[in-house]
Amino acid sequence: MIALKQVIEAYEARGFKIRHILGDGQLEHARKHVEKMGIILNVTSQDKHVTEIERFIRTVKERVWAVVNTLPTD
């Protein structure tokens, strides 16, 4: 819970307003604390992944791969 709060505070310090959190079942225990902060927590069912996050991770990996392959080898 402390780590989640630190992440939220770090984003808010940069000017972001956290309104929704998408996560897997491991965040279920933090629901009460997150909702007290005015944030909506959407948790997937057991052994499922958040498709939006998985797609974003794949996009970042593809972009990094594209940049790395444009660098000179020498």
C-alpha atoms as a PDB file:
ATOM      1  CA  MET A   1       0.000   0.000   0.000  1.00  0.00           C
ATOM      2  CA  ILE A   2       2.861   2.373   0.796  1.00  0.00           C
ATOM      3  CA  ALA A   3       4.449   1.851  -2.616  1.00  0.00           C
ATOM      4  CA  LEU A   4       1.147   2.456  -4.401  1.00  0.00           C
ATOM      5  CA  LYS A   5       0.636   5.674  -2.451  1.00  0.00           C
ATOM      6  CA  GLN A   6       4.169   6.814  -3.337  1.00  0.00           C
ATOM      7  CA  VAL A   7       3.529   6.203  -7.037  1.00  0.00           C
ATOM      8  CA  ILE A   8       0.254   8.130  -6.919  1.00  0.00           C
ATOM      9  CA  GLU A   9       1.944  11.032  -5.119  1.00  0.00           C
ATOM     10  CA  ALA A  10       4.818  11.059  -7.628  1.00  0.00           C
ATOM     11  CA  TYR A  11       2.410  11.380 -10.554  1.00  0.00           C
ATOM     12  CA  GLU A  12       0.352  14.040  -8.782  1.00  0.00           C
ATOM     13  CA  ALA A  13       3.546  16.024  -8.084  1.00  0.00           C
ATOM     14  CA  ARG A  14       4.083  16.095 -11.868  1.00  0.00           C
ATOM     15  CA  GLY A  15       0.600  17.509 -12.418  1.00  0.00           C
ATOM     16  CA  PHE A  16      -1.352  14.343 -13.187  1.00  0.00           C
ATOM     17  CA  LYS A  17      -4.695  13.637 -11.524  1.00  0.00           C
ATOM     18  CA  ILE A  18      -5.163   9.923 -10.884  1.00  0.00           C
ATOM     19  CA  ARG A  19      -8.821   8.973 -11.283  1.00  0.00           C
ATOM     20  CA  HIS A  20      -8.707   5.288 -12.279  1.00  0.00           C
ATOM     21  CA  ILE A  21      -6.294   2.444 -11.631  1.00  0.00           C
ATOM     22  CA  LEU A  22      -6.372  -0.726 -13.721  1.00  0.00           C
ATOM     23  CA  GLY A  23      -4.771  -3.724 -12.077  1.00  0.00           C
ATOM     24  CA  ASP A  24      -4.794  -7.420 -11.489  1.00  0.00           C
ATOM     25  CA  GLY A  25      -6.111  -9.287  -8.481  1.00  0.00           C
ATOM     26  CA  GLN A  26      -3.074  -8.428  -6.372  1.00  0.00           C
ATOM     27  CA  LEU A  27      -4.451  -4.900  -5.891  1.00  0.00           C
ATOM     28  CA  GLU A  28      -7.759  -6.061  -4.467  1.00  0.00           C
ATOM     29  CA  HIS A  29      -6.482  -5.737  -0.894  1.00  0.00           C
ATOM     30  CA  ALA A  30      -5.875  -2.001  -1.455  1.00  0.00           C
ATOM     31  CA  ARG A  31      -9.405  -1.225  -2.682  1.00  0.00           C
ATOM     32  CA  LYS A  32     -10.590   0.525   0.501  1.00  0.00           C
ATOM     33  CA  HIS A  33      -7.481   2.701   0.731  1.00  0.00           C
ATOM     34  CA  VAL A  34      -7.582   3.650  -2.939  1.00  0.00           C
ATOM     35  CA  GLU A  35     -11.277   4.496  -2.865  1.00  0.00           C
ATOM     36  CA  LYS A  36     -10.718   6.719   0.195  1.00  0.00           C
ATOM     37  CA  MET A  37      -8.394   8.756  -2.030  1.00  0.00           C
ATOM     38  CA  GLY A  38     -11.208   9.194  -4.557  1.00  0.00           C
ATOM     39  CA  ILE A  39      -9.721   6.801  -7.106  1.00  0.00           C
ATOM     40  CA  ILE A  40     -11.701   4.109  -8.894  1.00  0.00           C
ATOM     41  CA  LEU A  41      -9.974   0.718  -8.828  1.00  0.00           C
ATOM     42  CA  ASN A  42     -10.760  -1.720 -11.638  1.00  0.00           C
ATOM     43  CA  VAL A  43      -9.413  -5.179 -10.869  1.00  0.00           C
ATOM     44  CA  THR A  44      -9.408  -8.076 -13.316  1.00  0.00           C
ATOM     45  CA  SER A  45     -10.546 -11.535 -12.350  1.00  0.00           C
ATOM     46  CA  GLN A  46      -8.095 -14.095 -11.025  1.00  0.00           C
ATOM     47  CA  ASP A  47      -5.225 -15.076 -13.378  1.00  0.00           C
ATOM     48  CA  LYS A  48      -6.185 -12.464 -15.984  1.00  0.00           C
ATOM     49  CA  HIS A  49      -4.178  -9.555 -17.361  1.00  0.00           C
ATOM     50  CA  VAL A  50      -5.236  -5.984 -18.037  1.00  0.00           C
ATOM     51  CA  THR A  51      -5.309  -5.876 -21.830  1.00  0.00           C
ATOM     52  CA  GLU A  52      -4.728  -2.114 -22.064  1.00  0.00           C
ATOM     53  CA  ILE A  53      -1.554  -2.378 -19.997  1.00  0.00           C
ATOM     54  CA  GLU A  54      -0.300  -5.450 -21.847  1.00  0.00           C
ATOM     55  CA  ARG A  55      -0.787  -3.644 -25.172  1.00  0.00           C
ATOM     56  CA  PHE A  56       1.033  -0.559 -23.877  1.00  0.00           C
ATOM     57  CA  ILE A  57       3.984  -2.664 -22.688  1.00  0.00           C
ATOM     58  CA  ARG A  58       4.162  -4.349 -26.098  1.00  0.00           C
ATOM     59  CA  THR A  59       4.117  -0.945 -27.832  1.00  0.00           C
ATOM     60  CA  VAL A  60       6.951   0.368 -25.659  1.00  0.00           C
ATOM     61  CA  LYS A  61       9.027  -2.759 -26.344  1.00  0.00           C
ATOM     62  CA  GLU A  62       8.494  -2.395 -30.101  1.00  0.00           C
ATOM     63  CA  ARG A  63       9.532   1.277 -30.037  1.00  0.00           C
ATOM     64  CA  VAL A  64      12.654   0.519 -28.013  1.00  0.00           C
ATOM     65  CA  TRP A  65      13.526  -2.306 -30.417  1.00  0.00           C
ATOM     66  CA  ALA A  66      13.098   0.058 -33.388  1.00  0.00           C
ATOM     67  CA  VAL A  67      15.394   2.693 -31.844  1.00  0.00           C
ATOM     68  CA  VAL A  68      18.035   0.166 -30.827  1.00  0.00           C
ATOM     69  CA  ASN A  69      18.148  -1.241 -34.342  1.00  0.00           C
ATOM     70  CA  THR A  70      18.768   2.191 -35.853  1.00  0.00           C
ATOM     71  CA  LEU A  71      21.900   2.762 -33.737  1.00  0.00           C
ATOM     72  CA  PRO A  72      25.282   2.217 -35.334  1.00  0.00           C
ATOM     73  CA  THR A  73      26.987  -1.057 -34.470  1.00  0.00           C
ATOM     74  CA  ASP A  74      30.504   0.369 -34.172  1.00  0.00           C
END
